[in-house]
Amino acid sequence: MFPKSGLYAITKDEKNDKKLISQVEAVLMGGAHVIQYRDKIRTPAQQHAIALALKNLCAQYQTVFIINDHIELALAVQAHGVHLGLKDHSIAAARTKLGANAVIGISCYNSLQRAAAAHQQGADYIALGRFFDSYNKPDAALASPALLTIANQKYNLPIVAIGGITPENGASLLASGAHLLAAIDSIFGSGDPQHNTKKFIGLFPPK
């Protein structure tokens, strides 16, 4: 279910519900392979209607839909899965709640030790980074592209690179071993999400 390569688009905090949904549709029209709903300004209860609308949009475009952090919300809207960070629930807890077929991704930051643990515990993909200056997580530890090469050699999992990635610098991370590129601001903060999505898509070999 989870793609082996492509653009992993993560939503940017946006107070206007309709604008957020419209931006995601533009990104889907541009060809994104994964949409993650990440929302740090609403409670999970407030996120429900938006998450459901985004899930239905992703279904129309046959695109994987992931919820950031909130297992219960992912379950409630029947998202494809959940993405977990350092302080979130365990993989085992997410698997128990969401089932064997759910996609569970893990933030591993700049830690191969965390990547090894995620692999051992049954993660469906691992995310490494930040690799460049990041608007959304400026204080996150910097990761070396060499981590992508090592992780690609060691783990039979899709590897997502994240952190300050743009259409201009993303190719270097793919060459280092990333399978997917994750982006927030360079898509949703660009003023033209569909156009920038297409620029990202151009970095990947055609299917």
Protein backbone atom coordinates (compact mmCIF):
# COMPACT_ATOMS: atom_id res chain seq x y z
CA MET A 1 0.00 0.00 0.00
CA PHE A 2 2.71 2.49 0.95
CA PRO A 3 4.59 3.69 -2.15
CA LYS A 4 8.22 2.75 -2.68
CA SER A 5 9.06 6.18 -4.05
CA GLY A 6 7.47 9.57 -4.50
CA LEU A 7 6.42 12.83 -2.86
CA TYR A 8 5.20 12.74 0.73
CA ALA A 9 3.29 16.00 1.25
CA ILE A 10 2.67 17.14 4.83
CA THR A 11 0.06 19.80 5.51
CA LYS A 12 1.04 23.18 6.89
CA ASP A 13 -0.90 24.76 9.76
CA GLU A 14 -3.76 26.70 8.20
CA LYS A 15 -6.60 28.29 10.21
CA ASN A 16 -9.04 28.35 7.29
CA ASP A 17 -10.55 24.86 6.85
CA LYS A 18 -11.69 25.40 3.27
CA LYS A 19 -8.32 26.79 2.21
CA LEU A 20 -6.50 23.82 3.72
CA ILE A 21 -8.74 21.32 1.94
CA SER A 22 -8.39 23.26 -1.33
CA GLN A 23 -4.59 23.27 -1.00
CA VAL A 24 -4.52 19.51 -0.45
CA GLU A 25 -6.67 18.96 -3.53
CA ALA A 26 -4.22 21.07 -5.54
CA VAL A 27 -1.35 18.90 -4.28
CA LEU A 28 -3.26 15.75 -5.19
CA MET A 29 -3.89 17.14 -8.66
CA GLY A 30 -0.16 17.77 -8.90
CA GLY A 31 0.53 14.08 -8.30
CA ALA A 32 1.58 13.66 -4.65
CA HIS A 33 1.96 10.03 -3.61
CA VAL A 34 1.23 10.47 0.13
CA ILE A 35 -0.67 13.10 2.12
CA GLN A 36 -0.02 13.48 5.82
CA TYR A 37 -2.48 15.58 7.82
CA ARG A 38 -0.37 17.38 10.43
CA ASP A 39 -2.20 20.01 12.49
CA LYS A 40 -0.71 21.75 15.52
CA ILE A 41 -3.39 24.43 15.94
CA ARG A 42 -6.57 22.36 16.39
CA THR A 43 -7.56 19.73 18.93
CA PRO A 44 -8.12 16.18 17.65
CA ALA A 45 -11.88 16.74 17.99
CA GLN A 46 -11.64 19.88 15.83
CA GLN A 47 -9.51 18.01 13.30
CA HIS A 48 -12.08 15.28 12.68
CA ALA A 49 -14.13 16.98 9.96
CA ILE A 50 -11.01 18.13 8.10
CA ALA A 51 -9.40 14.71 8.36
CA LEU A 52 -12.52 13.05 6.99
CA ALA A 53 -12.68 15.49 4.07
CA LEU A 54 -9.00 14.91 3.29
CA LYS A 55 -9.40 11.14 3.55
CA ASN A 56 -12.25 11.25 1.02
CA LEU A 57 -10.18 13.44 -1.31
CA CYS A 58 -7.25 11.04 -1.11
CA ALA A 59 -9.60 8.16 -1.90
CA GLN A 60 -10.68 9.95 -5.09
CA TYR A 61 -7.04 10.31 -6.16
CA GLN A 62 -6.04 6.84 -4.91
CA THR A 63 -3.44 8.42 -2.64
CA VAL A 64 -2.22 7.17 0.73
CA PHE A 65 -3.58 9.25 3.63
CA ILE A 66 -1.66 9.40 6.92
CA ILE A 67 -2.53 11.13 10.19
CA ASN A 68 0.25 12.70 12.22
CA ASP A 69 0.42 11.62 15.88
CA HIS A 70 -3.23 10.84 16.61
CA ILE A 71 -4.04 7.13 16.49
CA GLU A 72 -7.67 7.61 17.54
CA LEU A 73 -8.26 10.15 14.79
CA ALA A 74 -6.69 7.83 12.21
CA LEU A 75 -9.02 5.08 13.39
CA ALA A 76 -12.09 7.33 13.41
CA VAL A 77 -11.69 8.49 9.79
CA GLN A 78 -10.24 5.16 8.56
CA ALA A 79 -6.99 6.72 7.38
CA HIS A 80 -4.44 4.40 5.86
CA GLY A 81 -2.22 4.87 8.88
CA VAL A 82 -0.40 7.10 11.33
CA HIS A 83 2.98 8.77 11.64
CA LEU A 84 4.58 8.69 15.10
CA GLY A 85 7.27 10.91 16.58
CA LEU A 86 9.59 10.56 19.54
CA LYS A 87 6.97 11.38 22.18
CA ASP A 88 4.01 9.61 20.57
CA HIS A 89 2.56 6.15 21.11
CA SER A 90 4.54 2.98 20.44
CA ILE A 91 4.35 1.02 17.20
CA ALA A 92 2.77 -1.84 19.12
CA ALA A 93 0.02 0.41 20.49
CA ALA A 94 -0.69 1.81 17.04
CA ARG A 95 -0.75 -1.66 15.50
CA THR A 96 -3.16 -2.94 18.15
CA LYS A 97 -5.54 -0.04 17.51
CA LEU A 98 -5.27 0.24 13.73
CA GLY A 99 -4.74 -3.37 12.69
CA ALA A 100 -2.23 -5.40 10.73
CA ASN A 101 -2.81 -3.59 7.43
CA ALA A 102 -2.33 -0.06 8.75
CA VAL A 103 0.66 1.98 7.60
CA ILE A 104 2.79 3.01 10.57
CA GLY A 105 5.66 5.40 9.99
CA ILE A 106 8.27 6.52 12.48
CA SER A 107 10.36 9.68 12.81
CA CYS A 108 13.96 8.60 13.36
CA TYR A 109 15.52 12.08 13.13
CA ASN A 110 19.30 11.56 12.78
CA SER A 111 19.40 8.26 14.69
CA LEU A 112 20.21 4.94 13.04
CA GLN A 113 19.59 3.34 16.44
CA ARG A 114 16.01 4.58 16.37
CA ALA A 115 15.70 3.41 12.75
CA ALA A 116 16.90 -0.06 13.77
CA ALA A 117 14.35 -0.20 16.57
CA ALA A 118 11.54 0.96 14.27
CA HIS A 119 12.49 -1.71 11.74
CA GLN A 120 12.59 -4.41 14.40
CA GLN A 121 9.23 -3.34 15.84
CA GLY A 122 7.45 -3.53 12.50
CA ALA A 123 7.34 0.01 11.13
CA ASP A 124 6.18 0.29 7.51
CA TYR A 125 8.54 3.18 6.73
CA ILE A 126 11.14 5.29 8.50
CA ALA A 127 11.69 9.04 8.21
CA LEU A 128 15.14 10.57 8.60
CA GLY A 129 16.07 14.26 8.84
CA ARG A 130 16.28 17.25 8.93
CA PHE A 131 18.75 17.58 6.07
CA PHE A 132 18.47 21.32 5.43
CA ASP A 133 17.28 24.44 7.26
CA SER A 134 13.67 23.81 8.22
CA TYR A 135 10.98 26.43 8.69
CA ASN A 136 8.75 24.07 10.68
CA LYS A 137 11.43 22.45 12.86
CA PRO A 138 14.37 24.86 12.93
CA ASP A 139 15.85 23.31 16.09
CA ALA A 140 15.72 19.70 14.91
CA ALA A 141 19.08 17.94 14.81
CA LEU A 142 20.82 18.05 11.45
CA ALA A 143 21.15 14.69 9.69
CA SER A 144 23.84 13.63 7.25
CA PRO A 145 22.79 12.29 3.83
CA ALA A 146 25.11 9.36 4.60
CA LEU A 147 22.41 8.12 7.00
CA LEU A 148 20.15 7.55 4.00
CA THR A 149 22.76 5.42 2.31
CA ILE A 150 23.32 3.30 5.41
CA ALA A 151 19.61 2.92 6.16
CA ASN A 152 18.93 1.94 2.56
CA GLN A 153 21.54 -0.80 2.80
CA LYS A 154 20.43 -2.09 6.21
CA TYR A 155 16.63 -1.97 6.17
CA ASN A 156 14.18 -3.28 3.62
CA LEU A 157 11.80 -0.37 4.20
CA PRO A 158 10.83 2.79 2.34
CA ILE A 159 12.99 5.65 3.62
CA VAL A 160 11.50 9.13 3.78
CA ALA A 161 13.81 12.16 3.86
CA ILE A 162 12.46 15.24 5.62
CA GLY A 163 13.55 18.70 6.66
CA GLY A 164 13.91 21.78 4.46
CA ILE A 165 13.56 19.79 1.24
CA THR A 166 12.77 21.65 -1.97
CA PRO A 167 12.56 20.70 -5.66
CA GLU A 168 16.04 22.23 -5.99
CA ASN A 169 17.82 20.19 -3.30
CA GLY A 170 15.77 16.99 -3.23
CA ALA A 171 17.63 15.14 -5.98
CA SER A 172 20.77 14.89 -3.84
CA LEU A 173 18.83 13.03 -1.14
CA LEU A 174 17.35 10.59 -3.64
CA ALA A 175 20.87 9.93 -4.90
CA SER A 176 21.95 9.24 -1.30
CA GLY A 177 19.27 6.59 -0.81
CA ALA A 178 15.97 8.24 0.08
CA HIS A 179 12.91 6.68 -1.55
CA LEU A 180 10.44 9.45 -0.76
CA LEU A 181 10.85 13.18 -0.14
CA ALA A 182 8.69 14.82 2.51
CA ALA A 183 7.89 18.51 2.30
CA ILE A 184 5.67 21.02 4.07
CA ASP A 185 6.52 24.65 3.46
CA SER A 186 8.05 24.20 0.01
CA ILE A 187 4.64 22.88 -1.10
CA PHE A 188 1.97 24.46 1.08
CA GLY A 189 3.86 27.68 1.70
CA SER A 190 4.84 28.18 -1.92
CA GLY A 191 1.77 30.12 -3.09
CA ASP A 192 1.17 27.53 -5.81
CA PRO A 193 0.98 24.05 -4.23
CA GLN A 194 0.06 22.28 -7.46
CA HIS A 195 2.95 23.79 -9.42
CA ASN A 196 5.52 23.01 -6.73
CA THR A 197 4.16 19.49 -6.39
CA LYS A 198 4.74 18.96 -10.09
CA LYS A 199 8.30 20.25 -9.71
CA PHE A 200 8.90 17.65 -7.01
CA ILE A 201 7.32 14.90 -9.11
CA GLY A 202 9.81 15.67 -11.86
CA LEU A 203 12.60 14.42 -9.57
CA PHE A 204 11.24 10.87 -9.60
CA PRO A 205 11.47 8.39 -12.46
CA PRO A 206 8.16 7.99 -14.31
CA LYS A 207 6.09 4.97 -13.33
